[in-house]
Amino acid sequence: MMQIPSSYAEGYKKARELNPALADSYIAHTRIGDPVMDAVVEELASLPQSQVHQFLSAGMDEDREGMRNAPRLLRDFFIDAPQPDPEWLDYNAFAPGVRAFQRNSVAVLSAFVTGVLIDGFSTLISKSFVQTGRIFDDGVRRLKQNNRHQMEIFWPGGLERHGDGWKLSVRIRFVHAQVRRLLAQTEEWDHDAWGVPVSAAHLGYAVACFAARTVKHSEALGARYSPEERAGFHDVWRYAGYLMGIPETILFTNESHALHIYQIGSMCEPPPTQDAIIMTNALINSAPLVAGIADAEERNKLVRGVIYPVSRGLVGNDLADQLNFPASKLPFPLFWYRLDQRIQRLRARLQKEGAKNFSTLLEASAYDDAGLSYRLPDHAHAERSGRW
């Protein structure tokens, strides 16, 4: 008899009427984390974070000498018994998706903040983030890390074994497992109501949104994809999700499957909670800071006049109202956004500002001269955790 976390009970019944197999799978995965990585981070728990960073850095680079004194499960993961490539992996299939991302990168990253993350954090995924507090203590860096991950997985060769897209995807797997471990130990986490922290269900749902909802929302903001590019875009995210430790039993296979996971997952999830309201509004208010806009008046004007209306246009009035988004005074906000983007593209073409636009994307991503950090959070609450 499947145990259904109480928060999902009502939505699950409705979802099961539409697609019983996928609804059953989604609920079953709310009780599943990542058994392989959960065991690895448990083994790392007693080590100082500086040593964890050194071992993970060596593992990412397949440095056998650097891994010589690493814990056994970590050595197995990187060196002795690494995760095999899935049979469906085809690096050549990524190329059209990579081209589409680079051509539409501004629309994609804009859609990610104003639509895709709102879709995701309107669910109980928000519980994990609000309870850790990280989005409030370091929200701008969080968004920049999201941008960095996308830029790297959609870089030619980024998902090959030594590419930064591969490394960042695997790093995310470690972070999720560590957060899962820390939250599970707190008194605040209600397993009976919410299932496992950072569950496989939520990760499968999230990566389905990152692929299918990004394409949909970015198209509403003016992006264009050929059928081959749409498929390639989803192939990139599918493999990134695999590297992030999402079980293939809840990992989408193509765009249609991703949309079904999003649809059924959304039905299973309860209506947005107070945590979801806090989380989504915090994300939107952090967006101008990611773009380097520090002036309070200019930031407020952008949030109220552009970001909220565009977000409402993408996710729909029903969800926007549930999240307490302000009513939009601008009719047809997506039309005006697309028109403004076309004017800006024309101006950039005339002024040859392509390099400037790319540098702006870099500034909105978490690049650091010190390179990638593989430190992990060492406390469930961000204000008590060391820097990672």
Protein backbone atom coordinates (compact mmCIF):
# COMPACT_ATOMS: atom_id res chain seq x y z
CA MET A 1 0.00 0.00 0.00
CA MET A 2 1.59 3.28 -1.13
CA GLN A 3 2.06 5.89 1.58
CA ILE A 4 0.75 9.24 0.36
CA PRO A 5 2.11 12.34 2.12
CA SER A 6 -0.97 14.10 3.49
CA SER A 7 -0.36 17.37 1.63
CA TYR A 8 -0.68 15.53 -1.69
CA ALA A 9 -3.76 13.43 -0.93
CA GLU A 10 -6.43 15.69 -2.47
CA GLY A 11 -4.49 16.58 -5.61
CA TYR A 12 -3.40 12.98 -6.14
CA LYS A 13 -7.01 11.82 -6.38
CA LYS A 14 -7.73 14.33 -9.16
CA ALA A 15 -4.48 13.58 -11.01
CA ARG A 16 -5.15 9.86 -10.88
CA GLU A 17 -8.42 10.34 -12.74
CA LEU A 18 -6.46 11.79 -15.65
CA ASN A 19 -3.30 9.64 -15.64
CA PRO A 20 -3.20 6.99 -12.89
CA ALA A 21 0.20 5.57 -13.80
CA LEU A 22 2.00 8.92 -13.80
CA ALA A 23 0.15 10.12 -10.70
CA ASP A 24 1.16 6.93 -8.85
CA SER A 25 4.75 7.39 -9.99
CA TYR A 26 4.88 11.04 -8.91
CA ILE A 27 3.56 10.29 -5.43
CA ALA A 28 5.86 7.27 -5.03
CA HIS A 29 8.84 9.50 -5.84
CA THR A 30 7.92 11.98 -3.09
CA ARG A 31 9.23 9.27 -0.74
CA ILE A 32 12.49 8.79 -2.68
CA GLY A 33 15.68 10.82 -2.57
CA ASP A 34 18.91 9.71 -4.24
CA PRO A 35 20.08 6.52 -2.49
CA VAL A 36 23.53 6.52 -4.09
CA MET A 37 24.38 10.14 -3.35
CA ASP A 38 22.62 10.14 0.00
CA ALA A 39 25.03 7.42 1.13
CA VAL A 40 28.02 9.36 -0.24
CA VAL A 41 27.25 12.60 1.62
CA GLU A 42 26.57 10.65 4.81
CA GLU A 43 30.08 9.25 4.50
CA LEU A 44 31.47 12.77 3.98
CA ALA A 45 29.64 14.22 6.99
CA SER A 46 32.53 13.92 9.43
CA LEU A 47 35.09 15.61 7.15
CA PRO A 48 35.92 19.35 7.24
CA GLN A 49 34.53 21.26 4.26
CA SER A 50 38.00 22.18 2.99
CA GLN A 51 38.80 18.48 2.65
CA VAL A 52 35.43 17.75 1.02
CA HIS A 53 36.21 20.45 -1.54
CA GLN A 54 39.61 18.91 -2.27
CA PHE A 55 38.22 15.40 -2.70
CA LEU A 56 35.32 16.53 -4.89
CA SER A 57 37.61 18.69 -7.00
CA ALA A 58 39.93 15.71 -7.52
CA GLY A 59 36.99 13.48 -8.34
CA MET A 60 35.57 15.89 -10.89
CA ASP A 61 38.96 15.93 -12.63
CA GLU A 62 39.44 12.14 -12.31
CA ASP A 63 42.63 12.80 -10.33
CA ARG A 64 43.39 9.33 -8.96
CA GLU A 65 46.24 10.52 -6.77
CA GLY A 66 44.07 13.26 -5.25
CA MET A 67 41.37 10.65 -4.58
CA ARG A 68 43.74 8.10 -3.05
CA ASN A 69 42.69 8.84 0.56
CA ALA A 70 39.06 9.72 -0.20
CA PRO A 71 36.22 7.79 1.46
CA ARG A 72 35.37 4.55 -0.29
CA LEU A 73 31.92 5.48 -1.61
CA LEU A 74 33.27 8.72 -3.06
CA ARG A 75 36.09 6.85 -4.79
CA ASP A 76 33.55 4.40 -6.17
CA PHE A 77 31.35 7.21 -7.47
CA PHE A 78 34.11 9.00 -9.37
CA ILE A 79 36.82 6.41 -10.06
CA ASP A 80 36.16 2.75 -9.28
CA ALA A 81 32.46 2.36 -10.19
CA PRO A 82 31.29 5.56 -11.89
CA GLN A 83 27.72 6.01 -13.06
CA PRO A 84 27.54 4.61 -16.62
CA ASP A 85 26.32 6.71 -19.52
CA PRO A 86 22.69 5.92 -20.34
CA GLU A 87 22.04 4.00 -23.55
CA TRP A 88 20.05 6.90 -24.97
CA LEU A 89 22.90 9.44 -24.63
CA ASP A 90 23.81 11.06 -27.95
CA TYR A 91 26.11 14.08 -27.65
CA ASN A 92 25.47 15.00 -31.30
CA ALA A 93 21.78 15.48 -30.51
CA PHE A 94 22.67 18.40 -28.22
CA ALA A 95 23.99 20.67 -30.99
CA PRO A 96 20.65 22.06 -32.27
CA GLY A 97 19.54 22.77 -28.69
CA VAL A 98 22.84 24.50 -27.93
CA ARG A 99 22.45 26.70 -31.01
CA ALA A 100 18.89 27.56 -30.03
CA PHE A 101 19.90 28.48 -26.47
CA GLN A 102 22.71 30.73 -27.62
CA ARG A 103 20.52 32.46 -30.19
CA ASN A 104 17.65 32.90 -27.71
CA SER A 105 19.69 33.20 -24.51
CA VAL A 106 18.22 36.51 -23.31
CA ALA A 107 14.65 35.25 -23.81
CA VAL A 108 15.50 31.90 -22.20
CA LEU A 109 17.07 33.40 -19.08
CA SER A 110 14.28 35.98 -18.82
CA ALA A 111 11.66 33.23 -19.13
CA PHE A 112 13.49 31.18 -16.51
CA VAL A 113 13.22 33.89 -13.86
CA THR A 114 9.76 35.25 -14.70
CA GLY A 115 8.04 31.98 -15.58
CA VAL A 116 9.87 28.70 -15.06
CA LEU A 117 11.04 29.30 -11.49
CA ILE A 118 7.59 30.64 -10.62
CA ASP A 119 6.04 27.41 -11.96
CA GLY A 120 8.48 25.39 -9.89
CA PHE A 121 8.42 27.29 -6.62
CA SER A 122 4.62 27.48 -6.52
CA THR A 123 4.81 23.82 -5.44
CA LEU A 124 6.06 22.29 -2.18
CA ILE A 125 9.58 22.57 -3.61
CA SER A 126 9.47 25.97 -1.94
CA LYS A 127 9.47 24.30 1.50
CA SER A 128 13.07 23.17 1.21
CA PHE A 129 14.30 26.60 0.15
CA VAL A 130 12.33 28.61 2.68
CA GLN A 131 13.36 26.32 5.53
CA THR A 132 17.05 26.62 4.63
CA GLY A 133 16.65 30.37 4.18
CA ARG A 134 19.20 30.47 1.40
CA ILE A 135 17.10 32.41 -1.06
CA PHE A 136 16.85 35.25 1.45
CA ASP A 137 20.45 35.30 2.64
CA ASP A 138 21.97 34.79 -0.81
CA GLY A 139 19.15 35.05 -3.34
CA VAL A 140 21.10 36.95 -5.97
CA ARG A 141 23.92 34.44 -5.96
CA ARG A 142 21.35 31.64 -6.17
CA LEU A 143 19.87 33.09 -9.37
CA LYS A 144 23.33 33.72 -10.80
CA GLN A 145 24.24 30.09 -10.14
CA ASN A 146 21.12 29.00 -12.05
CA ASN A 147 22.20 31.16 -14.97
CA ARG A 148 25.76 29.81 -14.82
CA HIS A 149 24.52 26.22 -14.88
CA GLN A 150 22.37 26.86 -17.94
CA MET A 151 25.13 28.67 -19.80
CA GLU A 152 27.53 25.81 -19.15
CA ILE A 153 25.24 22.92 -20.11
CA PHE A 154 24.34 24.77 -23.31
CA TRP A 155 27.98 25.42 -24.20
CA PRO A 156 29.43 23.20 -26.96
CA GLY A 157 30.99 20.22 -25.17
CA GLY A 158 29.76 21.47 -21.79
CA LEU A 159 28.14 18.15 -20.88
CA GLU A 160 31.11 16.01 -21.87
CA ARG A 161 32.95 14.38 -18.97
CA HIS A 162 35.35 17.23 -18.23
CA GLY A 163 33.05 20.10 -19.25
CA ASP A 164 31.88 22.61 -16.67
CA GLY A 165 28.26 21.76 -17.48
CA TRP A 166 28.94 18.16 -16.45
CA LYS A 167 30.72 19.25 -13.28
CA LEU A 168 28.06 21.75 -12.25
CA SER A 169 25.28 19.20 -12.81
CA VAL A 170 27.06 16.65 -10.62
CA ARG A 171 27.84 19.36 -8.04
CA ILE A 172 24.10 20.08 -7.84
CA ARG A 173 23.53 16.39 -7.12
CA PHE A 174 25.90 16.60 -4.15
CA VAL A 175 24.26 19.80 -2.86
CA HIS A 176 20.75 18.34 -3.12
CA ALA A 177 21.79 15.24 -1.21
CA GLN A 178 23.46 17.30 1.50
CA VAL A 179 20.43 19.60 1.88
CA ARG A 180 18.19 16.53 1.98
CA ARG A 181 20.32 15.04 4.74
CA LEU A 182 20.40 18.24 6.81
CA LEU A 183 16.70 19.05 6.49
CA ALA A 184 15.69 15.48 7.34
CA GLN A 185 17.44 15.92 10.68
CA THR A 186 15.51 19.06 11.64
CA GLU A 187 12.35 19.12 13.74
CA GLU A 188 10.68 21.47 11.23
CA TRP A 189 10.52 18.94 8.41
CA ASP A 190 7.20 17.05 8.40
CA HIS A 191 7.87 13.78 6.57
CA ASP A 192 4.29 12.57 6.89
CA ALA A 193 2.94 15.71 5.21
CA TRP A 194 5.66 16.48 2.65
CA GLY A 195 7.61 13.29 2.00
CA VAL A 196 11.39 13.41 1.56
CA PRO A 197 13.14 16.80 1.36
CA VAL A 198 14.30 17.62 -2.19
CA SER A 199 12.52 14.48 -3.36
CA ALA A 200 13.00 12.70 -6.67
CA ALA A 201 9.44 13.78 -7.55
CA HIS A 202 10.33 17.44 -7.14
CA LEU A 203 13.58 17.11 -9.06
CA GLY A 204 11.86 15.26 -11.90
CA TYR A 205 9.17 17.96 -11.95
CA ALA A 206 11.77 20.74 -11.86
CA VAL A 207 13.86 19.47 -14.77
CA ALA A 208 10.67 18.91 -16.81
CA CYS A 209 9.87 22.60 -16.20
CA PHE A 210 13.45 23.63 -17.02
CA ALA A 211 13.05 22.01 -20.43
CA ALA A 212 9.43 22.16 -21.62
CA ARG A 213 8.22 25.25 -19.74
CA THR A 214 11.36 27.18 -20.69
CA VAL A 215 10.67 26.54 -24.36
CA LYS A 216 7.03 27.55 -23.96
CA HIS A 217 7.69 30.67 -21.90
CA SER A 218 10.67 31.82 -23.98
CA GLU A 219 8.56 31.49 -27.14
CA ALA A 220 6.04 33.83 -25.51
CA LEU A 221 8.94 36.28 -25.06
CA GLY A 222 9.98 36.07 -28.70
CA ALA A 223 12.30 33.01 -28.92
CA ARG A 224 11.96 30.70 -31.91
CA TYR A 225 12.85 27.01 -32.23
CA SER A 226 12.82 24.57 -35.10
CA PRO A 227 11.51 21.03 -34.32
CA GLU A 228 15.12 19.80 -34.27
CA GLU A 229 16.13 22.59 -31.87
CA ARG A 230 13.23 21.86 -29.52
CA ALA A 231 14.27 18.21 -29.39
CA GLY A 232 17.92 19.12 -28.83
CA PHE A 233 17.01 21.56 -26.05
CA HIS A 234 15.15 18.78 -24.25
CA ASP A 235 18.00 16.32 -24.86
CA VAL A 236 20.41 18.68 -23.09
CA TRP A 237 18.17 19.01 -20.04
CA ARG A 238 17.41 15.29 -19.98
CA TYR A 239 21.09 14.40 -19.69
CA ALA A 240 21.72 17.22 -17.20
CA GLY A 241 18.86 15.79 -15.11
CA TYR A 242 20.41 12.33 -15.32
CA LEU A 243 23.71 13.75 -14.05
CA MET A 244 21.81 15.49 -11.25
CA GLY A 245 20.73 12.06 -10.02
CA ILE A 246 17.09 12.08 -11.10
CA PRO A 247 15.88 8.45 -11.43
CA GLU A 248 14.92 7.52 -14.97
CA THR A 249 11.54 6.43 -13.57
CA ILE A 250 10.66 10.14 -13.13
CA LEU A 251 13.03 11.71 -15.71
CA PHE A 252 11.30 12.88 -18.88
CA THR A 253 12.17 11.29 -22.24
CA ASN A 254 10.99 14.02 -24.63
CA GLU A 255 8.99 17.26 -24.72
CA SER A 256 5.60 15.55 -24.62
CA HIS A 257 6.60 13.45 -21.61
CA ALA A 258 8.02 16.52 -19.86
CA LEU A 259 4.73 18.36 -20.31
CA HIS A 260 2.82 15.38 -18.90
CA ILE A 261 5.08 15.28 -15.82
CA TYR A 262 4.51 19.01 -15.36
CA GLN A 263 0.73 18.64 -15.77
CA ILE A 264 0.29 15.66 -13.43
CA GLY A 265 2.84 16.94 -10.93
CA SER A 266 1.03 20.30 -10.79
CA MET A 267 -2.26 18.49 -10.11
CA CYS A 268 -0.72 16.37 -7.35
CA GLU A 269 0.79 19.40 -5.63
CA PRO A 270 -1.34 21.34 -3.15
CA PRO A 271 -2.29 24.98 -3.86
CA PRO A 272 0.56 27.45 -3.26
CA THR A 273 1.44 27.72 0.41
CA GLN A 274 2.68 30.77 2.27
CA ASP A 275 6.22 29.49 1.61
CA ALA A 276 5.51 29.49 -2.14
CA ILE A 277 4.17 33.04 -1.95
CA ILE A 278 7.26 34.21 -0.06
CA MET A 279 9.64 32.35 -2.35
CA THR A 280 8.23 33.44 -5.71
CA ASN A 281 7.95 37.10 -4.72
CA ALA A 282 11.49 37.05 -3.33
CA LEU A 283 12.76 35.65 -6.64
CA ILE A 284 11.08 38.35 -8.68
CA ASN A 285 12.39 41.10 -6.44
CA SER A 286 15.92 39.66 -6.67
CA ALA A 287 15.94 39.67 -10.49
CA PRO A 288 17.02 43.33 -10.99
CA LEU A 289 19.95 42.83 -8.60
CA VAL A 290 21.10 39.89 -10.74
CA ALA A 291 21.10 42.27 -13.72
CA GLY A 292 23.25 44.71 -11.73
CA ILE A 293 20.51 47.29 -11.06
CA ALA A 294 21.22 48.53 -7.54
CA ASP A 295 19.28 51.82 -7.47
CA ALA A 296 16.18 51.21 -5.34
CA GLU A 297 13.84 53.43 -7.38
CA GLU A 298 14.95 51.98 -10.72
CA ARG A 299 14.73 48.45 -9.29
CA ASN A 300 11.20 48.97 -8.00
CA LYS A 301 10.12 50.46 -11.33
CA LEU A 302 11.45 47.43 -13.20
CA VAL A 303 9.85 44.93 -10.79
CA ARG A 304 6.43 46.59 -10.75
CA GLY A 305 6.33 47.80 -14.34
CA VAL A 306 7.94 44.90 -16.20
CA ILE A 307 8.78 41.75 -14.25
CA TYR A 308 5.49 41.22 -12.41
CA PRO A 309 3.34 41.92 -15.52
CA VAL A 310 5.48 39.62 -17.69
CA SER A 311 5.42 36.90 -15.05
CA ARG A 312 1.64 37.18 -14.76
CA GLY A 313 1.38 36.93 -18.54
CA LEU A 314 3.48 33.75 -18.56
CA VAL A 315 2.06 31.77 -15.63
CA GLY A 316 -1.53 32.97 -15.96
CA ASN A 317 -3.81 35.04 -13.77
CA ASP A 318 -5.03 32.13 -11.62
CA LEU A 319 -1.57 31.19 -10.37
CA ALA A 320 -0.43 34.82 -10.18
CA ASP A 321 -3.41 35.66 -7.98
CA GLN A 322 -2.70 32.68 -5.71
CA LEU A 323 0.87 33.96 -5.33
CA ASN A 324 -0.36 37.47 -4.44
CA PHE A 325 1.26 39.07 -7.48
CA PRO A 326 0.04 42.65 -8.01
CA ALA A 327 -2.59 43.18 -10.69
CA SER A 328 -1.14 44.29 -14.02
CA LYS A 329 -2.06 47.75 -15.28
CA LEU A 330 -0.43 47.01 -18.62
CA PRO A 331 -2.67 45.33 -21.21
CA PHE A 332 -1.04 42.57 -23.26
CA PRO A 333 2.30 42.68 -21.35
CA LEU A 334 3.91 39.92 -23.43
CA PHE A 335 3.18 41.80 -26.66
CA TRP A 336 4.85 44.95 -25.37
CA TYR A 337 7.77 42.93 -24.03
CA ARG A 338 8.34 41.29 -27.43
CA LEU A 339 8.09 44.66 -29.18
CA ASP A 340 10.62 46.18 -26.79
CA GLN A 341 13.00 43.25 -27.36
CA ARG A 342 12.77 43.66 -31.13
CA ILE A 343 13.61 47.35 -30.82
CA GLN A 344 16.57 46.52 -28.59
CA ARG A 345 17.82 43.85 -31.02
CA LEU A 346 17.61 46.29 -33.90
CA ARG A 347 19.48 48.93 -31.92
CA ALA A 348 22.14 46.38 -30.91
CA ARG A 349 22.54 45.30 -34.54
CA LEU A 350 22.96 48.88 -35.69
CA GLN A 351 25.40 49.63 -32.88
CA LYS A 352 27.10 46.22 -33.01
CA GLU A 353 26.55 45.53 -29.31
CA GLY A 354 26.54 41.74 -29.50
CA ALA A 355 29.68 41.43 -27.37
CA LYS A 356 28.16 43.79 -24.80
CA ASN A 357 25.01 41.66 -24.60
CA PHE A 358 27.06 38.51 -24.01
CA SER A 359 29.12 40.23 -21.32
CA THR A 360 25.84 41.22 -19.63
CA LEU A 361 24.87 37.54 -19.53
CA LEU A 362 28.23 36.70 -17.97
CA GLU A 363 27.71 39.37 -15.33
CA ALA A 364 24.32 37.82 -14.53
CA SER A 365 25.95 34.43 -13.95
CA ALA A 366 28.01 33.23 -10.98
CA TYR A 367 31.50 33.18 -12.44
CA ASP A 368 34.36 33.35 -9.98
CA ASP A 369 38.08 33.73 -10.65
CA ALA A 370 38.73 31.10 -7.98
CA GLY A 371 36.92 28.48 -10.10
CA LEU A 372 34.15 26.12 -9.06
CA SER A 373 33.68 25.54 -5.34
CA TYR A 374 32.78 22.06 -4.18
CA ARG A 375 32.14 22.94 -0.56
CA LEU A 376 28.77 21.74 0.73
CA PRO A 377 26.41 23.41 3.22
CA ASP A 378 27.16 22.23 6.74
CA HIS A 379 23.97 23.38 8.44
CA ALA A 380 20.29 23.22 7.45
CA HIS A 381 19.85 26.95 7.97
CA ALA A 382 21.79 29.27 5.67
CA GLU A 383 22.67 31.82 8.36
CA ARG A 384 24.45 29.11 10.37
CA SER A 385 26.15 27.38 7.44
CA GLY A 386 29.68 28.07 6.30
CA ARG A 387 30.27 29.62 2.88
CA TRP A 388 29.84 27.13 0.06
